[in-house]
Amino acid sequence: MRPEIRVVRGWIYVDGTRRDDGSIELGTGAEMRFSPFEAISERQAAQITWGHILEASVQRLAFWRR
């Protein structure tokens, strides 16, 4: 089974879709992509931890240093 949240190249990918009321339904098989900045505001709804946000931020910094 795929993890519900993963971090790749500074992006946070969440297994879920957005409902009509704006909430996020997790585990639908669709993929949502968040930048670390967007993830801060969507943290509660998408169950994104500060660890995911920090990891994505560090990956982005490493990319820009190349």
PDB file of N, CA and C in Angstrom:
ATOM      1  N   MET A   1       0.829  -1.183   0.000  1.00  0.00           N
ATOM      2  CA  MET A   1       0.000   0.000   0.000  1.00  0.00           C
ATOM      3  C   MET A   1       0.875   1.249   0.000  1.00  0.00           C
ATOM      4  N   ARG A   2       0.502   2.224  -0.817  1.00  0.00           N
ATOM      5  CA  ARG A   2       1.243   3.470  -0.919  1.00  0.00           C
ATOM      6  C   ARG A   2       1.026   4.339   0.317  1.00  0.00           C
ATOM      7  N   PRO A   3       2.059   5.033   0.753  1.00  0.00           N
ATOM      8  CA  PRO A   3       1.832   5.957   1.867  1.00  0.00           C
ATOM      9  C   PRO A   3       0.885   7.080   1.439  1.00  0.00           C
ATOM     10  N   GLU A   4       0.128   7.578   2.382  1.00  0.00           N
ATOM     11  CA  GLU A   4      -0.860   8.603   2.086  1.00  0.00           C
ATOM     12  C   GLU A   4      -0.223   9.961   1.793  1.00  0.00           C
ATOM     13  N   ILE A   5       0.902  10.247   2.438  1.00  0.00           N
ATOM     14  CA  ILE A   5       1.598  11.519   2.240  1.00  0.00           C
ATOM     15  C   ILE A   5       3.059  11.218   1.918  1.00  0.00           C
ATOM     16  N   ARG A   6       3.590  11.860   0.872  1.00  0.00           N
ATOM     17  CA  ARG A   6       5.009  11.678   0.540  1.00  0.00           C
ATOM     18  C   ARG A   6       5.586  13.018   0.087  1.00  0.00           C
ATOM     19  N   VAL A   7       6.885  13.150   0.234  1.00  0.00           N
ATOM     20  CA  VAL A   7       7.587  14.374  -0.134  1.00  0.00           C
ATOM     21  C   VAL A   7       8.582  14.038  -1.230  1.00  0.00           C
ATOM     22  N   VAL A   8       8.467  14.735  -2.371  1.00  0.00           N
ATOM     23  CA  VAL A   8       9.342  14.493  -3.511  1.00  0.00           C
ATOM     24  C   VAL A   8       9.768  15.837  -4.088  1.00  0.00           C
ATOM     25  N   ARG A   9      11.082  16.076  -4.122  1.00  0.00           N
ATOM     26  CA  ARG A   9      11.665  17.282  -4.720  1.00  0.00           C
ATOM     27  C   ARG A   9      11.021  18.579  -4.247  1.00  0.00           C
ATOM     28  N   GLY A  10      10.730  18.648  -2.966  1.00  0.00           N
ATOM     29  CA  GLY A  10      10.198  19.881  -2.399  1.00  0.00           C
ATOM     30  C   GLY A  10       8.695  20.036  -2.498  1.00  0.00           C
ATOM     31  N   TRP A  11       8.005  19.031  -3.004  1.00  0.00           N
ATOM     32  CA  TRP A  11       6.546  19.049  -3.096  1.00  0.00           C
ATOM     33  C   TRP A  11       5.987  18.002  -2.143  1.00  0.00           C
ATOM     34  N   ILE A  12       4.842  18.297  -1.540  1.00  0.00           N
ATOM     35  CA  ILE A  12       4.167  17.364  -0.648  1.00  0.00           C
ATOM     36  C   ILE A  12       2.966  16.799  -1.404  1.00  0.00           C
ATOM     37  N   TYR A  13       2.963  15.492  -1.610  1.00  0.00           N
ATOM     38  CA  TYR A  13       1.876  14.822  -2.326  1.00  0.00           C
ATOM     39  C   TYR A  13       0.968  14.114  -1.325  1.00  0.00           C
ATOM     40  N   VAL A  14      -0.323  14.355  -1.453  1.00  0.00           N
ATOM     41  CA  VAL A  14      -1.308  13.767  -0.557  1.00  0.00           C
ATOM     42  C   VAL A  14      -2.279  12.937  -1.383  1.00  0.00           C
ATOM     43  N   ASP A  15      -2.573  11.734  -0.927  1.00  0.00           N
ATOM     44  CA  ASP A  15      -3.551  10.861  -1.580  1.00  0.00           C
ATOM     45  C   ASP A  15      -4.944  11.326  -1.153  1.00  0.00           C
ATOM     46  N   GLY A  16      -5.594  12.107  -2.008  1.00  0.00           N
ATOM     47  CA  GLY A  16      -6.921  12.610  -1.678  1.00  0.00           C
ATOM     48  C   GLY A  16      -7.435  13.582  -2.725  1.00  0.00           C
ATOM     49  N   THR A  17      -8.690  13.980  -2.564  1.00  0.00           N
ATOM     50  CA  THR A  17      -9.306  14.964  -3.454  1.00  0.00           C
ATOM     51  C   THR A  17     -10.027  16.014  -2.620  1.00  0.00           C
ATOM     52  N   ARG A  18     -10.287  17.139  -3.250  1.00  0.00           N
ATOM     53  CA  ARG A  18     -11.016  18.207  -2.577  1.00  0.00           C
ATOM     54  C   ARG A  18     -12.510  18.039  -2.845  1.00  0.00           C
ATOM     55  N   ARG A  19     -13.302  18.102  -1.788  1.00  0.00           N
ATOM     56  CA  ARG A  19     -14.758  17.999  -1.906  1.00  0.00           C
ATOM     57  C   ARG A  19     -15.348  19.338  -2.330  1.00  0.00           C
ATOM     58  N   ASP A  20     -16.632  19.333  -2.616  1.00  0.00           N
ATOM     59  CA  ASP A  20     -17.320  20.563  -3.015  1.00  0.00           C
ATOM     60  C   ASP A  20     -17.318  21.626  -1.919  1.00  0.00           C
ATOM     61  N   ASP A  21     -17.311  21.205  -0.670  1.00  0.00           N
ATOM     62  CA  ASP A  21     -17.327  22.167   0.443  1.00  0.00           C
ATOM     63  C   ASP A  21     -15.933  22.681   0.798  1.00  0.00           C
ATOM     64  N   GLY A  22     -14.910  22.245   0.070  1.00  0.00           N
ATOM     65  CA  GLY A  22     -13.554  22.727   0.289  1.00  0.00           C
ATOM     66  C   GLY A  22     -12.709  21.846   1.179  1.00  0.00           C
ATOM     67  N   SER A  23     -13.313  20.859   1.823  1.00  0.00           N
ATOM     68  CA  SER A  23     -12.537  19.958   2.670  1.00  0.00           C
ATOM     69  C   SER A  23     -11.820  18.929   1.799  1.00  0.00           C
ATOM     70  N   ILE A  24     -10.896  18.219   2.393  1.00  0.00           N
ATOM     71  CA  ILE A  24     -10.107  17.228   1.667  1.00  0.00           C
ATOM     72  C   ILE A  24     -10.519  15.835   2.121  1.00  0.00           C
ATOM     73  N   GLU A  25     -10.833  14.985   1.153  1.00  0.00           N
ATOM     74  CA  GLU A  25     -11.159  13.591   1.439  1.00  0.00           C
ATOM     75  C   GLU A  25      -9.917  12.755   1.134  1.00  0.00           C
ATOM     76  N   LEU A  26      -9.385  12.124   2.159  1.00  0.00           N
ATOM     77  CA  LEU A  26      -8.146  11.357   2.023  1.00  0.00           C
ATOM     78  C   LEU A  26      -8.433   9.935   1.560  1.00  0.00           C
ATOM     79  N   GLY A  27      -7.457   9.351   0.872  1.00  0.00           N
ATOM     80  CA  GLY A  27      -7.526   7.958   0.472  1.00  0.00           C
ATOM     81  C   GLY A  27      -8.384   7.673  -0.746  1.00  0.00           C
ATOM     82  N   THR A  28      -8.565   8.627  -1.635  1.00  0.00           N
ATOM     83  CA  THR A  28      -9.413   8.420  -2.808  1.00  0.00           C
ATOM     84  C   THR A  28      -8.640   7.893  -4.012  1.00  0.00           C
ATOM     85  N   GLY A  29      -7.322   7.901  -3.955  1.00  0.00           N
ATOM     86  CA  GLY A  29      -6.517   7.440  -5.079  1.00  0.00           C
ATOM     87  C   GLY A  29      -6.053   8.575  -5.970  1.00  0.00           C
ATOM     88  N   ALA A  30      -6.668   9.738  -5.864  1.00  0.00           N
ATOM     89  CA  ALA A  30      -6.211  10.905  -6.613  1.00  0.00           C
ATOM     90  C   ALA A  30      -5.040  11.537  -5.862  1.00  0.00           C
ATOM     91  N   GLU A  31      -4.335  12.431  -6.523  1.00  0.00           N
ATOM     92  CA  GLU A  31      -3.134  13.009  -5.924  1.00  0.00           C
ATOM     93  C   GLU A  31      -3.228  14.532  -5.898  1.00  0.00           C
ATOM     94  N   MET A  32      -3.005  15.115  -4.744  1.00  0.00           N
ATOM     95  CA  MET A  32      -2.956  16.567  -4.594  1.00  0.00           C
ATOM     96  C   MET A  32      -1.514  16.955  -4.284  1.00  0.00           C
ATOM     97  N   ARG A  33      -1.073  18.083  -4.832  1.00  0.00           N
ATOM     98  CA  ARG A  33       0.311  18.527  -4.635  1.00  0.00           C
ATOM     99  C   ARG A  33       0.307  19.870  -3.929  1.00  0.00           C
ATOM    100  N   PHE A  34       1.123  19.990  -2.877  1.00  0.00           N
ATOM    101  CA  PHE A  34       1.230  21.220  -2.103  1.00  0.00           C
ATOM    102  C   PHE A  34       2.682  21.658  -2.011  1.00  0.00           C
ATOM    103  N   SER A  35       2.910  22.966  -2.105  1.00  0.00           N
ATOM    104  CA  SER A  35       4.218  23.519  -1.766  1.00  0.00           C
ATOM    105  C   SER A  35       4.274  23.579  -0.240  1.00  0.00           C
ATOM    106  N   PRO A  36       5.453  23.754   0.348  1.00  0.00           N
ATOM    107  CA  PRO A  36       5.519  23.867   1.807  1.00  0.00           C
ATOM    108  C   PRO A  36       4.681  25.042   2.331  1.00  0.00           C
ATOM    109  N   PHE A  37       4.645  26.141   1.584  1.00  0.00           N
ATOM    110  CA  PHE A  37       3.859  27.307   2.007  1.00  0.00           C
ATOM    111  C   PHE A  37       2.364  26.991   2.001  1.00  0.00           C
ATOM    112  N   GLU A  38       1.882  26.337   0.944  1.00  0.00           N
ATOM    113  CA  GLU A  38       0.459  25.947   0.869  1.00  0.00           C
ATOM    114  C   GLU A  38       0.121  24.922   1.950  1.00  0.00           C
ATOM    115  N   ALA A  39       1.059  24.042   2.235  1.00  0.00           N
ATOM    116  CA  ALA A  39       0.815  22.974   3.198  1.00  0.00           C
ATOM    117  C   ALA A  39       0.587  23.522   4.604  1.00  0.00           C
ATOM    118  N   ILE A  40       1.165  24.668   4.917  1.00  0.00           N
ATOM    119  CA  ILE A  40       0.954  25.254   6.241  1.00  0.00           C
ATOM    120  C   ILE A  40      -0.523  25.571   6.448  1.00  0.00           C
ATOM    121  N   SER A  41      -1.169  26.137   5.435  1.00  0.00           N
ATOM    122  CA  SER A  41      -2.581  26.490   5.583  1.00  0.00           C
ATOM    123  C   SER A  41      -3.500  25.268   5.473  1.00  0.00           C
ATOM    124  N   GLU A  42      -3.059  24.214   4.795  1.00  0.00           N
ATOM    125  CA  GLU A  42      -3.878  23.011   4.614  1.00  0.00           C
ATOM    126  C   GLU A  42      -3.489  21.894   5.582  1.00  0.00           C
ATOM    127  N   ARG A  43      -2.650  22.218   6.559  1.00  0.00           N
ATOM    128  CA  ARG A  43      -2.060  21.214   7.431  1.00  0.00           C
ATOM    129  C   ARG A  43      -3.094  20.358   8.161  1.00  0.00           C
ATOM    130  N   GLN A  44      -4.102  20.953   8.729  1.00  0.00           N
ATOM    131  CA  GLN A  44      -5.097  20.201   9.499  1.00  0.00           C
ATOM    132  C   GLN A  44      -5.963  19.327   8.596  1.00  0.00           C
ATOM    133  N   ALA A  45      -6.450  19.888   7.493  1.00  0.00           N
ATOM    134  CA  ALA A  45      -7.370  19.154   6.616  1.00  0.00           C
ATOM    135  C   ALA A  45      -6.687  17.972   5.929  1.00  0.00           C
ATOM    136  N   ALA A  46      -5.425  18.144   5.533  1.00  0.00           N
ATOM    137  CA  ALA A  46      -4.714  17.092   4.796  1.00  0.00           C
ATOM    138  C   ALA A  46      -3.859  16.219   5.697  1.00  0.00           C
ATOM    139  N   GLN A  47      -3.866  16.476   6.994  1.00  0.00           N
ATOM    140  CA  GLN A  47      -3.072  15.720   7.970  1.00  0.00           C
ATOM    141  C   GLN A  47      -1.587  15.750   7.637  1.00  0.00           C
ATOM    142  N   ILE A  48      -1.094  16.908   7.224  1.00  0.00           N
ATOM    143  CA  ILE A  48       0.326  17.096   6.930  1.00  0.00           C
ATOM    144  C   ILE A  48       1.018  17.515   8.221  1.00  0.00           C
ATOM    145  N   THR A  49       2.118  16.859   8.548  1.00  0.00           N
ATOM    146  CA  THR A  49       2.839  17.191   9.777  1.00  0.00           C
ATOM    147  C   THR A  49       3.886  18.270   9.498  1.00  0.00           C
ATOM    148  N   TRP A  50       4.380  18.867  10.569  1.00  0.00           N
ATOM    149  CA  TRP A  50       5.456  19.855  10.427  1.00  0.00           C
ATOM    150  C   TRP A  50       6.710  19.176   9.882  1.00  0.00           C
ATOM    151  N   GLY A  51       6.870  17.898  10.145  1.00  0.00           N
ATOM    152  CA  GLY A  51       8.008  17.153   9.604  1.00  0.00           C
ATOM    153  C   GLY A  51       7.978  17.087   8.076  1.00  0.00           C
ATOM    154  N   HIS A  52       6.784  16.878   7.504  1.00  0.00           N
ATOM    155  CA  HIS A  52       6.647  16.883   6.042  1.00  0.00           C
ATOM    156  C   HIS A  52       6.988  18.258   5.474  1.00  0.00           C
ATOM    157  N   ILE A  53       6.492  19.300   6.135  1.00  0.00           N
ATOM    158  CA  ILE A  53       6.730  20.675   5.669  1.00  0.00           C
ATOM    159  C   ILE A  53       8.215  21.008   5.745  1.00  0.00           C
ATOM    160  N   LEU A  54       8.868  20.638   6.848  1.00  0.00           N
ATOM    161  CA  LEU A  54      10.300  20.895   7.004  1.00  0.00           C
ATOM    162  C   LEU A  54      11.115  20.117   5.971  1.00  0.00           C
ATOM    163  N   GLU A  55      10.768  18.867   5.745  1.00  0.00           N
ATOM    164  CA  GLU A  55      11.478  18.053   4.763  1.00  0.00           C
ATOM    165  C   GLU A  55      11.372  18.659   3.359  1.00  0.00           C
ATOM    166  N   ALA A  56      10.166  19.086   2.982  1.00  0.00           N
ATOM    167  CA  ALA A  56       9.977  19.694   1.663  1.00  0.00           C
ATOM    168  C   ALA A  56      10.744  21.009   1.548  1.00  0.00           C
ATOM    169  N   SER A  57      10.765  21.789   2.617  1.00  0.00           N
ATOM    170  CA  SER A  57      11.484  23.061   2.606  1.00  0.00           C
ATOM    171  C   SER A  57      12.987  22.842   2.426  1.00  0.00           C
ATOM    172  N   VAL A  58      13.534  21.857   3.131  1.00  0.00           N
ATOM    173  CA  VAL A  58      14.964  21.554   3.020  1.00  0.00           C
ATOM    174  C   VAL A  58      15.295  21.061   1.614  1.00  0.00           C
ATOM    175  N   GLN A  59      14.432  20.236   1.043  1.00  0.00           N
ATOM    176  CA  GLN A  59      14.667  19.762  -0.325  1.00  0.00           C
ATOM    177  C   GLN A  59      14.671  20.924  -1.310  1.00  0.00           C
ATOM    178  N   ARG A  60      13.781  21.902  -1.123  1.00  0.00           N
ATOM    179  CA  ARG A  60      13.751  23.062  -2.012  1.00  0.00           C
ATOM    180  C   ARG A  60      15.017  23.900  -1.862  1.00  0.00           C
ATOM    181  N   LEU A  61      15.492  24.068  -0.640  1.00  0.00           N
ATOM    182  CA  LEU A  61      16.729  24.822  -0.433  1.00  0.00           C
ATOM    183  C   LEU A  61      17.909  24.121  -1.098  1.00  0.00           C
ATOM    184  N   ALA A  62      17.969  22.800  -0.962  1.00  0.00           N
ATOM    185  CA  ALA A  62      19.062  22.038  -1.582  1.00  0.00           C
ATOM    186  C   ALA A  62      19.007  22.160  -3.102  1.00  0.00           C
ATOM    187  N   PHE A  63      17.809  22.165  -3.653  1.00  0.00           N
ATOM    188  CA  PHE A  63      17.673  22.301  -5.111  1.00  0.00           C
ATOM    189  C   PHE A  63      18.179  23.654  -5.590  1.00  0.00           C
ATOM    190  N   TRP A  64      17.833  24.728  -4.885  1.00  0.00           N
ATOM    191  CA  TRP A  64      18.221  26.068  -5.318  1.00  0.00           C
ATOM    192  C   TRP A  64      19.697  26.344  -5.111  1.00  0.00           C
ATOM    193  N   ARG A  65      20.374  25.567  -4.288  1.00  0.00           N
ATOM    194  CA  ARG A  65      21.812  25.753  -4.061  1.00  0.00           C
ATOM    195  C   ARG A  65      22.646  25.140  -5.168  1.00  0.00           C
ATOM    196  N   ARG A  66      22.054  24.345  -6.036  1.00  0.00           N
ATOM    197  CA  ARG A  66      22.806  23.698  -7.119  1.00  0.00           C
ATOM    198  C   ARG A  66      23.270  24.704  -8.125  1.00  0.00           C
TER     199      ARG A  66
END
